[in-house]
């Protein structure tokens, strides 16, 4: 599973990525700078530079990641886009070994 979000600065991206990895809610978080976002917020047209995080995780971590975003994400309404993926057997095995699915 891949989850994408954006934040306003590299420092925010690094903080969020470190928290996700520290809690073992993902095997990897990729940080991509240089994203230009155009959107409407509270009736205003906005144009901002953002940093994208691509979170490689397991489906069982989705709810815990949403809770982590509610606590640690700097945006009032954070982007949370989840997609199921097909991985090579070796990559999937590595991701499962590095990620801990929270017990309900």
PDB file of N, CA and C in Angstrom:
ATOM      1  N   UNK A   1       0.852  -1.169   0.000  1.00  0.00           N
ATOM      2  CA  UNK A   1       0.000   0.000   0.000  1.00  0.00           C
ATOM      3  C   UNK A   1       0.895   1.229   0.000  1.00  0.00           C
ATOM      4  N   UNK A   2       0.458   2.236  -0.708  1.00  0.00           N
ATOM      5  CA  UNK A   2       1.155   3.511  -0.758  1.00  0.00           C
ATOM      6  C   UNK A   2       0.184   4.607  -0.320  1.00  0.00           C
ATOM      7  N   UNK A   3       0.656   5.459   0.558  1.00  0.00           N
ATOM      8  CA  UNK A   3      -0.135   6.603   1.012  1.00  0.00           C
ATOM      9  C   UNK A   3       0.650   7.863   0.694  1.00  0.00           C
ATOM     10  N   UNK A   4      -0.018   8.829   0.088  1.00  0.00           N
ATOM     11  CA  UNK A   4       0.626  10.086  -0.265  1.00  0.00           C
ATOM     12  C   UNK A   4       0.024  11.229   0.540  1.00  0.00           C
ATOM     13  N   UNK A   5       0.893  12.157   0.922  1.00  0.00           N
ATOM     14  CA  UNK A   5       0.468  13.378   1.578  1.00  0.00           C
ATOM     15  C   UNK A   5       1.442  14.486   1.201  1.00  0.00           C
ATOM     16  N   UNK A   6       1.087  15.705   1.502  1.00  0.00           N
ATOM     17  CA  UNK A   6       1.982  16.835   1.276  1.00  0.00           C
ATOM     18  C   UNK A   6       2.038  17.691   2.529  1.00  0.00           C
ATOM     19  N   UNK A   7       3.174  18.388   2.684  1.00  0.00           N
ATOM     20  CA  UNK A   7       3.364  19.352   3.765  1.00  0.00           C
ATOM     21  C   UNK A   7       4.046  20.580   3.177  1.00  0.00           C
ATOM     22  N   UNK A   8       4.154  21.632   3.964  1.00  0.00           N
ATOM     23  CA  UNK A   8       4.645  22.894   3.453  1.00  0.00           C
ATOM     24  C   UNK A   8       6.148  23.098   3.471  1.00  0.00           C
ATOM     25  N   UNK A   9       6.887  22.214   4.142  1.00  0.00           N
ATOM     26  CA  UNK A   9       8.331  22.420   4.221  1.00  0.00           C
ATOM     27  C   UNK A   9       9.061  21.090   4.334  1.00  0.00           C
ATOM     28  N   UNK A  10      10.340  21.116   3.995  1.00  0.00           N
ATOM     29  CA  UNK A  10      11.175  19.930   4.135  1.00  0.00           C
ATOM     30  C   UNK A  10      11.274  19.514   5.599  1.00  0.00           C
ATOM     31  N   UNK A  11      11.395  20.471   6.489  1.00  0.00           N
ATOM     32  CA  UNK A  11      11.490  20.162   7.924  1.00  0.00           C
ATOM     33  C   UNK A  11      10.237  19.438   8.404  1.00  0.00           C
ATOM     34  N   UNK A  12       9.049  19.894   7.986  1.00  0.00           N
ATOM     35  CA  UNK A  12       7.803  19.213   8.361  1.00  0.00           C
ATOM     36  C   UNK A  12       7.772  17.802   7.775  1.00  0.00           C
ATOM     37  N   UNK A  13       8.225  17.652   6.539  1.00  0.00           N
ATOM     38  CA  UNK A  13       8.245  16.336   5.897  1.00  0.00           C
ATOM     39  C   UNK A  13       9.165  15.382   6.647  1.00  0.00           C
ATOM     40  N   UNK A  14      10.329  15.861   7.021  1.00  0.00           N
ATOM     41  CA  UNK A  14      11.283  15.013   7.739  1.00  0.00           C
ATOM     42  C   UNK A  14      10.756  14.625   9.112  1.00  0.00           C
ATOM     43  N   UNK A  15      10.127  15.558   9.810  1.00  0.00           N
ATOM     44  CA  UNK A  15       9.547  15.248  11.127  1.00  0.00           C
ATOM     45  C   UNK A  15       8.473  14.172  11.005  1.00  0.00           C
ATOM     46  N   UNK A  16       7.578  14.344  10.029  1.00  0.00           N
ATOM     47  CA  UNK A  16       6.488  13.386   9.844  1.00  0.00           C
ATOM     48  C   UNK A  16       7.040  12.025   9.429  1.00  0.00           C
ATOM     49  N   UNK A  17       7.995  12.012   8.506  1.00  0.00           N
ATOM     50  CA  UNK A  17       8.596  10.748   8.059  1.00  0.00           C
ATOM     51  C   UNK A  17       9.271  10.025   9.220  1.00  0.00           C
ATOM     52  N   UNK A  18      10.017  10.754  10.026  1.00  0.00           N
ATOM     53  CA  UNK A  18      10.705  10.131  11.172  1.00  0.00           C
ATOM     54  C   UNK A  18       9.709   9.546  12.171  1.00  0.00           C
ATOM     55  N   UNK A  19       8.610  10.239  12.409  1.00  0.00           N
ATOM     56  CA  UNK A  19       7.593   9.745  13.340  1.00  0.00           C
ATOM     57  C   UNK A  19       6.953   8.464  12.808  1.00  0.00           C
ATOM     58  N   UNK A  20       6.636   8.442  11.526  1.00  0.00           N
ATOM     59  CA  UNK A  20       6.033   7.252  10.907  1.00  0.00           C
ATOM     60  C   UNK A  20       6.974   6.052  11.008  1.00  0.00           C
ATOM     61  N   UNK A  21       8.243   6.266  10.682  1.00  0.00           N
ATOM     62  CA  UNK A  21       9.223   5.176  10.734  1.00  0.00           C
ATOM     63  C   UNK A  21       9.490   4.757  12.174  1.00  0.00           C
ATOM     64  N   UNK A  22       9.579   5.710  13.101  1.00  0.00           N
ATOM     65  CA  UNK A  22       9.816   5.383  14.513  1.00  0.00           C
ATOM     66  C   UNK A  22       8.706   4.498  15.072  1.00  0.00           C
ATOM     67  N   UNK A  23       7.478   4.741  14.627  1.00  0.00           N
ATOM     68  CA  UNK A  23       6.350   3.930  15.097  1.00  0.00           C
ATOM     69  C   UNK A  23       6.176   2.644  14.277  1.00  0.00           C
ATOM     70  N   UNK A  24       7.059   2.430  13.306  1.00  0.00           N
ATOM     71  CA  UNK A  24       7.045   1.238  12.441  1.00  0.00           C
ATOM     72  C   UNK A  24       5.726   1.091  11.684  1.00  0.00           C
ATOM     73  N   UNK A  25       5.127   2.240  11.318  1.00  0.00           N
ATOM     74  CA  UNK A  25       3.881   2.219  10.555  1.00  0.00           C
ATOM     75  C   UNK A  25       4.125   2.176   9.056  1.00  0.00           C
ATOM     76  N   UNK A  26       5.396   2.174   8.658  1.00  0.00           N
ATOM     77  CA  UNK A  26       5.756   2.060   7.252  1.00  0.00           C
ATOM     78  C   UNK A  26       7.164   1.494   7.155  1.00  0.00           C
ATOM     79  N   UNK A  27       7.431   0.870   6.025  1.00  0.00           N
ATOM     80  CA  UNK A  27       8.780   0.359   5.767  1.00  0.00           C
ATOM     81  C   UNK A  27       9.672   1.469   5.237  1.00  0.00           C
ATOM     82  N   UNK A  28       9.087   2.433   4.548  1.00  0.00           N
ATOM     83  CA  UNK A  28       9.850   3.494   3.897  1.00  0.00           C
ATOM     84  C   UNK A  28       8.951   4.703   3.696  1.00  0.00           C
ATOM     85  N   UNK A  29       9.528   5.878   3.830  1.00  0.00           N
ATOM     86  CA  UNK A  29       8.839   7.124   3.474  1.00  0.00           C
ATOM     87  C   UNK A  29       9.770   7.886   2.538  1.00  0.00           C
ATOM     88  N   UNK A  30       9.300   8.131   1.328  1.00  0.00           N
ATOM     89  CA  UNK A  30      10.073   8.922   0.381  1.00  0.00           C
ATOM     90  C   UNK A  30       9.618  10.374   0.463  1.00  0.00           C
ATOM     91  N   UNK A  31      10.572  11.287   0.424  1.00  0.00           N
ATOM     92  CA  UNK A  31      10.299  12.716   0.511  1.00  0.00           C
ATOM     93  C   UNK A  31      10.710  13.360  -0.813  1.00  0.00           C
ATOM     94  N   UNK A  32       9.751  14.004  -1.458  1.00  0.00           N
ATOM     95  CA  UNK A  32       9.986  14.618  -2.765  1.00  0.00           C
ATOM     96  C   UNK A  32       9.743  16.121  -2.670  1.00  0.00           C
ATOM     97  N   UNK A  33      10.787  16.904  -2.888  1.00  0.00           N
ATOM     98  CA  UNK A  33      10.652  18.361  -2.881  1.00  0.00           C
ATOM     99  C   UNK A  33      10.249  18.856  -4.266  1.00  0.00           C
ATOM    100  N   UNK A  34       9.826  20.103  -4.311  1.00  0.00           N
ATOM    101  CA  UNK A  34       9.578  20.749  -5.592  1.00  0.00           C
ATOM    102  C   UNK A  34       8.188  20.544  -6.155  1.00  0.00           C
ATOM    103  N   UNK A  35       7.218  20.234  -5.312  1.00  0.00           N
ATOM    104  CA  UNK A  35       5.843  20.063  -5.764  1.00  0.00           C
ATOM    105  C   UNK A  35       5.171  21.434  -5.757  1.00  0.00           C
ATOM    106  N   UNK A  36       4.548  21.783  -6.861  1.00  0.00           N
ATOM    107  CA  UNK A  36       3.778  23.029  -6.935  1.00  0.00           C
ATOM    108  C   UNK A  36       2.303  22.673  -6.857  1.00  0.00           C
ATOM    109  N   UNK A  37       1.604  23.212  -5.884  1.00  0.00           N
ATOM    110  CA  UNK A  37       0.192  22.901  -5.690  1.00  0.00           C
ATOM    111  C   UNK A  37      -0.654  24.147  -5.937  1.00  0.00           C
ATOM    112  N   UNK A  38      -1.703  23.962  -6.704  1.00  0.00           N
ATOM    113  CA  UNK A  38      -2.681  25.006  -7.005  1.00  0.00           C
ATOM    114  C   UNK A  38      -4.024  24.493  -6.511  1.00  0.00           C
ATOM    115  N   UNK A  39      -4.704  25.272  -5.675  1.00  0.00           N
ATOM    116  CA  UNK A  39      -5.947  24.792  -5.069  1.00  0.00           C
ATOM    117  C   UNK A  39      -6.760  25.960  -4.548  1.00  0.00           C
ATOM    118  N   UNK A  40      -7.966  25.665  -4.152  1.00  0.00           N
ATOM    119  CA  UNK A  40      -8.833  26.646  -3.528  1.00  0.00           C
ATOM    120  C   UNK A  40      -8.960  26.261  -2.054  1.00  0.00           C
ATOM    121  N   UNK A  41      -8.749  27.229  -1.162  1.00  0.00           N
ATOM    122  CA  UNK A  41      -8.859  26.974   0.276  1.00  0.00           C
ATOM    123  C   UNK A  41      -9.628  28.119   0.901  1.00  0.00           C
ATOM    124  N   UNK A  42     -10.749  27.775   1.524  1.00  0.00           N
ATOM    125  CA  UNK A  42     -11.605  28.749   2.202  1.00  0.00           C
ATOM    126  C   UNK A  42     -11.958  29.914   1.264  1.00  0.00           C
ATOM    127  N   UNK A  43     -12.267  29.566   0.025  1.00  0.00           N
ATOM    128  CA  UNK A  43     -12.711  30.542  -0.952  1.00  0.00           C
ATOM    129  C   UNK A  43     -11.606  31.301  -1.676  1.00  0.00           C
ATOM    130  N   UNK A  44     -10.376  31.066  -1.317  1.00  0.00           N
ATOM    131  CA  UNK A  44      -9.246  31.768  -1.921  1.00  0.00           C
ATOM    132  C   UNK A  44      -8.479  30.837  -2.853  1.00  0.00           C
ATOM    133  N   UNK A  45      -8.010  31.371  -3.978  1.00  0.00           N
ATOM    134  CA  UNK A  45      -7.126  30.619  -4.857  1.00  0.00           C
ATOM    135  C   UNK A  45      -5.726  30.651  -4.264  1.00  0.00           C
ATOM    136  N   UNK A  46      -5.100  29.488  -4.190  1.00  0.00           N
ATOM    137  CA  UNK A  46      -3.783  29.383  -3.573  1.00  0.00           C
ATOM    138  C   UNK A  46      -2.794  28.722  -4.532  1.00  0.00           C
ATOM    139  N   UNK A  47      -1.550  29.107  -4.396  1.00  0.00           N
ATOM    140  CA  UNK A  47      -0.447  28.511  -5.141  1.00  0.00           C
ATOM    141  C   UNK A  47       0.711  28.400  -4.161  1.00  0.00           C
ATOM    142  N   UNK A  48       1.115  27.173  -3.856  1.00  0.00           N
ATOM    143  CA  UNK A  48       2.132  26.949  -2.829  1.00  0.00           C
ATOM    144  C   UNK A  48       3.147  25.910  -3.282  1.00  0.00           C
ATOM    145  N   UNK A  49       4.361  26.029  -2.778  1.00  0.00           N
ATOM    146  CA  UNK A  49       5.356  24.967  -2.911  1.00  0.00           C
ATOM    147  C   UNK A  49       5.120  23.990  -1.771  1.00  0.00           C
ATOM    148  N   UNK A  50       5.169  22.723  -2.089  1.00  0.00           N
ATOM    149  CA  UNK A  50       4.967  21.708  -1.063  1.00  0.00           C
ATOM    150  C   UNK A  50       6.005  20.603  -1.214  1.00  0.00           C
ATOM    151  N   UNK A  51       6.029  19.740  -0.219  1.00  0.00           N
ATOM    152  CA  UNK A  51       6.886  18.564  -0.209  1.00  0.00           C
ATOM    153  C   UNK A  51       5.963  17.361  -0.102  1.00  0.00           C
ATOM    154  N   UNK A  52       6.134  16.393  -1.013  1.00  0.00           N
ATOM    155  CA  UNK A  52       5.285  15.200  -1.019  1.00  0.00           C
ATOM    156  C   UNK A  52       5.977  14.073  -0.249  1.00  0.00           C
ATOM    157  N   UNK A  53       5.189  13.361   0.538  1.00  0.00           N
ATOM    158  CA  UNK A  53       5.649  12.145   1.192  1.00  0.00           C
ATOM    159  C   UNK A  53       4.899  10.973   0.568  1.00  0.00           C
ATOM    160  N   UNK A  54       5.643   9.952   0.195  1.00  0.00           N
ATOM    161  CA  UNK A  54       5.061   8.718  -0.300  1.00  0.00           C
ATOM    162  C   UNK A  54       5.427   7.645   0.721  1.00  0.00           C
ATOM    163  N   UNK A  55       4.411   7.101   1.354  1.00  0.00           N
ATOM    164  CA  UNK A  55       4.572   6.205   2.492  1.00  0.00           C
ATOM    165  C   UNK A  55       4.303   4.777   2.037  1.00  0.00           C
ATOM    166  N   UNK A  56       5.306   3.904   2.155  1.00  0.00           N
ATOM    167  CA  UNK A  56       5.170   2.496   1.786  1.00  0.00           C
ATOM    168  C   UNK A  56       4.799   1.732   3.042  1.00  0.00           C
ATOM    169  N   UNK A  57       3.573   1.216   3.075  1.00  0.00           N
ATOM    170  CA  UNK A  57       3.054   0.612   4.294  1.00  0.00           C
ATOM    171  C   UNK A  57       2.208  -0.613   3.972  1.00  0.00           C
ATOM    172  N   UNK A  58       1.544  -1.127   4.972  1.00  0.00           N
ATOM    173  CA  UNK A  58       0.646  -2.279   4.825  1.00  0.00           C
ATOM    174  C   UNK A  58      -0.791  -1.823   5.075  1.00  0.00           C
ATOM    175  N   UNK A  59      -1.768  -2.489   4.451  1.00  0.00           N
ATOM    176  CA  UNK A  59      -3.165  -2.083   4.641  1.00  0.00           C
ATOM    177  C   UNK A  59      -3.585  -2.020   6.114  1.00  0.00           C
ATOM    178  N   UNK A  60      -3.048  -2.880   6.943  1.00  0.00           N
ATOM    179  CA  UNK A  60      -3.413  -2.894   8.351  1.00  0.00           C
ATOM    180  C   UNK A  60      -2.957  -1.672   9.134  1.00  0.00           C
ATOM    181  N   UNK A  61      -2.116  -0.838   8.539  1.00  0.00           N
ATOM    182  CA  UNK A  61      -1.601   0.364   9.206  1.00  0.00           C
ATOM    183  C   UNK A  61      -2.377   1.620   8.841  1.00  0.00           C
ATOM    184  N   UNK A  62      -3.339   1.506   7.954  1.00  0.00           N
ATOM    185  CA  UNK A  62      -4.036   2.689   7.443  1.00  0.00           C
ATOM    186  C   UNK A  62      -4.703   3.502   8.553  1.00  0.00           C
ATOM    187  N   UNK A  63      -5.444   2.864   9.428  1.00  0.00           N
ATOM    188  CA  UNK A  63      -6.138   3.589  10.496  1.00  0.00           C
ATOM    189  C   UNK A  63      -5.149   4.245  11.455  1.00  0.00           C
ATOM    190  N   UNK A  64      -4.068   3.553  11.776  1.00  0.00           N
ATOM    191  CA  UNK A  64      -3.060   4.124  12.674  1.00  0.00           C
ATOM    192  C   UNK A  64      -2.375   5.324  12.027  1.00  0.00           C
ATOM    193  N   UNK A  65      -2.155   5.266  10.732  1.00  0.00           N
ATOM    194  CA  UNK A  65      -1.561   6.403  10.037  1.00  0.00           C
ATOM    195  C   UNK A  65      -2.522   7.591  10.009  1.00  0.00           C
ATOM    196  N   UNK A  66      -3.804   7.333   9.834  1.00  0.00           N
ATOM    197  CA  UNK A  66      -4.773   8.430   9.890  1.00  0.00           C
ATOM    198  C   UNK A  66      -4.758   9.082  11.274  1.00  0.00           C
ATOM    199  N   UNK A  67      -4.663   8.265  12.316  1.00  0.00           N
ATOM    200  CA  UNK A  67      -4.592   8.806  13.678  1.00  0.00           C
ATOM    201  C   UNK A  67      -3.294   9.593  13.880  1.00  0.00           C
ATOM    202  N   UNK A  68      -2.188   9.099  13.343  1.00  0.00           N
ATOM    203  CA  UNK A  68      -0.922   9.812  13.433  1.00  0.00           C
ATOM    204  C   UNK A  68      -1.007  11.154  12.713  1.00  0.00           C
ATOM    205  N   UNK A  69      -1.644  11.167  11.545  1.00  0.00           N
ATOM    206  CA  UNK A  69      -1.827  12.428  10.814  1.00  0.00           C
ATOM    207  C   UNK A  69      -2.639  13.407  11.652  1.00  0.00           C
ATOM    208  N   UNK A  70      -3.697  12.932  12.312  1.00  0.00           N
ATOM    209  CA  UNK A  70      -4.539  13.808  13.122  1.00  0.00           C
ATOM    210  C   UNK A  70      -3.723  14.468  14.238  1.00  0.00           C
ATOM    211  N   UNK A  71      -2.725  13.760  14.735  1.00  0.00           N
ATOM    212  CA  UNK A  71      -1.916  14.279  15.842  1.00  0.00           C
ATOM    213  C   UNK A  71      -0.691  15.071  15.371  1.00  0.00           C
ATOM    214  N   UNK A  72      -0.027  14.629  14.288  1.00  0.00           N
ATOM    215  CA  UNK A  72       1.278  15.175  13.929  1.00  0.00           C
ATOM    216  C   UNK A  72       1.337  15.935  12.606  1.00  0.00           C
ATOM    217  N   UNK A  73       0.333  15.783  11.750  1.00  0.00           N
ATOM    218  CA  UNK A  73       0.399  16.458  10.446  1.00  0.00           C
ATOM    219  C   UNK A  73       0.154  17.951  10.642  1.00  0.00           C
ATOM    220  N   UNK A  74       0.949  18.810  10.002  1.00  0.00           N
ATOM    221  CA  UNK A  74       0.801  20.247  10.240  1.00  0.00           C
ATOM    222  C   UNK A  74      -0.422  20.894   9.571  1.00  0.00           C
ATOM    223  N   UNK A  75      -1.067  20.212   8.648  1.00  0.00           N
ATOM    224  CA  UNK A  75      -2.201  20.811   7.939  1.00  0.00           C
ATOM    225  C   UNK A  75      -3.509  20.568   8.678  1.00  0.00           C
ATOM    226  N   UNK A  76      -4.407  21.527   8.568  1.00  0.00           N
ATOM    227  CA  UNK A  76      -5.744  21.406   9.155  1.00  0.00           C
ATOM    228  C   UNK A  76      -6.501  20.246   8.518  1.00  0.00           C
ATOM    229  N   UNK A  77      -6.406  20.110   7.209  1.00  0.00           N
ATOM    230  CA  UNK A  77      -7.030  19.012   6.464  1.00  0.00           C
ATOM    231  C   UNK A  77      -5.941  18.350   5.622  1.00  0.00           C
ATOM    232  N   UNK A  78      -5.234  17.365   6.185  1.00  0.00           N
ATOM    233  CA  UNK A  78      -4.139  16.760   5.438  1.00  0.00           C
ATOM    234  C   UNK A  78      -4.632  15.862   4.296  1.00  0.00           C
ATOM    235  N   UNK A  79      -3.868  15.901   3.218  1.00  0.00           N
ATOM    236  CA  UNK A  79      -4.112  14.953   2.129  1.00  0.00           C
ATOM    237  C   UNK A  79      -3.784  13.557   2.639  1.00  0.00           C
ATOM    238  N   UNK A  80      -4.661  12.598   2.374  1.00  0.00           N
ATOM    239  CA  UNK A  80      -4.424  11.196   2.725  1.00  0.00           C
ATOM    240  C   UNK A  80      -4.971  10.378   1.566  1.00  0.00           C
ATOM    241  N   UNK A  81      -4.100  10.060   0.621  1.00  0.00           N
ATOM    242  CA  UNK A  81      -4.490   9.305  -0.560  1.00  0.00           C
ATOM    243  C   UNK A  81      -3.843   7.929  -0.473  1.00  0.00           C
ATOM    244  N   UNK A  82      -4.665   6.899  -0.385  1.00  0.00           N
ATOM    245  CA  UNK A  82      -4.163   5.533  -0.245  1.00  0.00           C
ATOM    246  C   UNK A  82      -4.452   4.732  -1.501  1.00  0.00           C
ATOM    247  N   UNK A  83      -3.457   3.951  -1.913  1.00  0.00           N
ATOM    248  CA  UNK A  83      -3.618   3.093  -3.083  1.00  0.00           C
ATOM    249  C   UNK A  83      -3.035   1.722  -2.777  1.00  0.00           C
ATOM    250  N   UNK A  84      -3.762   0.713  -3.129  1.00  0.00           N
ATOM    251  CA  UNK A  84      -3.262  -0.660  -3.006  1.00  0.00           C
ATOM    252  C   UNK A  84      -2.309  -0.900  -4.172  1.00  0.00           C
ATOM    253  N   UNK A  85      -1.202  -1.576  -3.905  1.00  0.00           N
ATOM    254  CA  UNK A  85      -0.184  -1.814  -4.920  1.00  0.00           C
ATOM    255  C   UNK A  85       0.154  -3.297  -4.997  1.00  0.00           C
ATOM    256  N   UNK A  86       0.737  -3.675  -6.107  1.00  0.00           N
ATOM    257  CA  UNK A  86       1.282  -5.025  -6.263  1.00  0.00           C
ATOM    258  C   UNK A  86       2.794  -4.882  -6.223  1.00  0.00           C
ATOM    259  N   UNK A  87       3.441  -5.587  -5.307  1.00  0.00           N
ATOM    260  CA  UNK A  87       4.886  -5.504  -5.139  1.00  0.00           C
ATOM    261  C   UNK A  87       5.534  -6.827  -5.517  1.00  0.00           C
ATOM    262  N   UNK A  88       6.806  -6.747  -5.838  1.00  0.00           N
ATOM    263  CA  UNK A  88       7.555  -7.980  -6.073  1.00  0.00           C
ATOM    264  C   UNK A  88       7.568  -8.764  -4.760  1.00  0.00           C
ATOM    265  N   UNK A  89       7.684 -10.095  -4.834  1.00  0.00           N
ATOM    266  CA  UNK A  89       7.708 -10.887  -3.592  1.00  0.00           C
ATOM    267  C   UNK A  89       8.806 -10.439  -2.624  1.00  0.00           C
ATOM    268  N   UNK A  90       9.973 -10.126  -3.125  1.00  0.00           N
ATOM    269  CA  UNK A  90      11.072  -9.728  -2.245  1.00  0.00           C
ATOM    270  C   UNK A  90      10.780  -8.391  -1.561  1.00  0.00           C
ATOM    271  N   UNK A  91      10.258  -7.430  -2.317  1.00  0.00           N
ATOM    272  CA  UNK A  91       9.944  -6.125  -1.732  1.00  0.00           C
ATOM    273  C   UNK A  91       8.816  -6.255  -0.710  1.00  0.00           C
ATOM    274  N   UNK A  92       7.798  -7.024  -1.038  1.00  0.00           N
ATOM    275  CA  UNK A  92       6.676  -7.228  -0.113  1.00  0.00           C
ATOM    276  C   UNK A  92       7.154  -7.882   1.176  1.00  0.00           C
ATOM    277  N   UNK A  93       8.060  -8.834   1.069  1.00  0.00           N
ATOM    278  CA  UNK A  93       8.595  -9.507   2.257  1.00  0.00           C
ATOM    279  C   UNK A  93       9.367  -8.513   3.124  1.00  0.00           C
ATOM    280  N   UNK A  94      10.183  -7.668   2.484  1.00  0.00           N
ATOM    281  CA  UNK A  94      10.934  -6.655   3.223  1.00  0.00           C
ATOM    282  C   UNK A  94       9.986  -5.680   3.921  1.00  0.00           C
ATOM    283  N   UNK A  95       8.963  -5.210   3.205  1.00  0.00           N
ATOM    284  CA  UNK A  95       8.006  -4.257   3.782  1.00  0.00           C
ATOM    285  C   UNK A  95       7.283  -4.862   4.987  1.00  0.00           C
ATOM    286  N   UNK A  96       6.878  -6.120   4.875  1.00  0.00           N
ATOM    287  CA  UNK A  96       6.214  -6.784   6.010  1.00  0.00           C
ATOM    288  C   UNK A  96       7.159  -6.904   7.212  1.00  0.00           C
ATOM    289  N   UNK A  97       8.440  -7.174   6.948  1.00  0.00           N
ATOM    290  CA  UNK A  97       9.405  -7.331   8.033  1.00  0.00           C
ATOM    291  C   UNK A  97       9.694  -6.015   8.754  1.00  0.00           C
ATOM    292  N   UNK A  98       9.590  -4.901   8.050  1.00  0.00           N
ATOM    293  CA  UNK A  98       9.935  -3.590   8.613  1.00  0.00           C
ATOM    294  C   UNK A  98       8.744  -2.829   9.178  1.00  0.00           C
ATOM    295  N   UNK A  99       7.547  -3.358   9.009  1.00  0.00           N
ATOM    296  CA  UNK A  99       6.325  -2.662   9.414  1.00  0.00           C
ATOM    297  C   UNK A  99       5.599  -3.479  10.459  1.00  0.00           C
ATOM    298  N   UNK A 100       5.076  -2.814  11.477  1.00  0.00           N
ATOM    299  CA  UNK A 100       4.302  -3.487  12.510  1.00  0.00           C
ATOM    300  C   UNK A 100       2.853  -3.028  12.437  1.00  0.00           C
ATOM    301  N   UNK A 101       1.963  -3.931  12.116  1.00  0.00           N
ATOM    302  CA  UNK A 101       0.541  -3.615  12.063  1.00  0.00           C
ATOM    303  C   UNK A 101       0.029  -3.524  13.506  1.00  0.00           C
ATOM    304  N   UNK A 102      -0.537  -2.379  13.887  1.00  0.00           N
ATOM    305  CA  UNK A 102      -1.044  -2.237  15.259  1.00  0.00           C
ATOM    306  C   UNK A 102      -2.154  -3.247  15.552  1.00  0.00           C
ATOM    307  N   UNK A 103      -2.150  -3.750  16.780  1.00  0.00           N
ATOM    308  CA  UNK A 103      -3.210  -4.663  17.205  1.00  0.00           C
ATOM    309  C   UNK A 103      -4.425  -3.857  17.604  1.00  0.00           C
ATOM    310  N   UNK A 104      -5.577  -4.309  17.198  1.00  0.00           N
ATOM    311  CA  UNK A 104      -6.836  -3.583  17.477  1.00  0.00           C
ATOM    312  C   UNK A 104      -7.227  -3.678  18.927  1.00  0.00           C
TER     313      UNK A 104
END
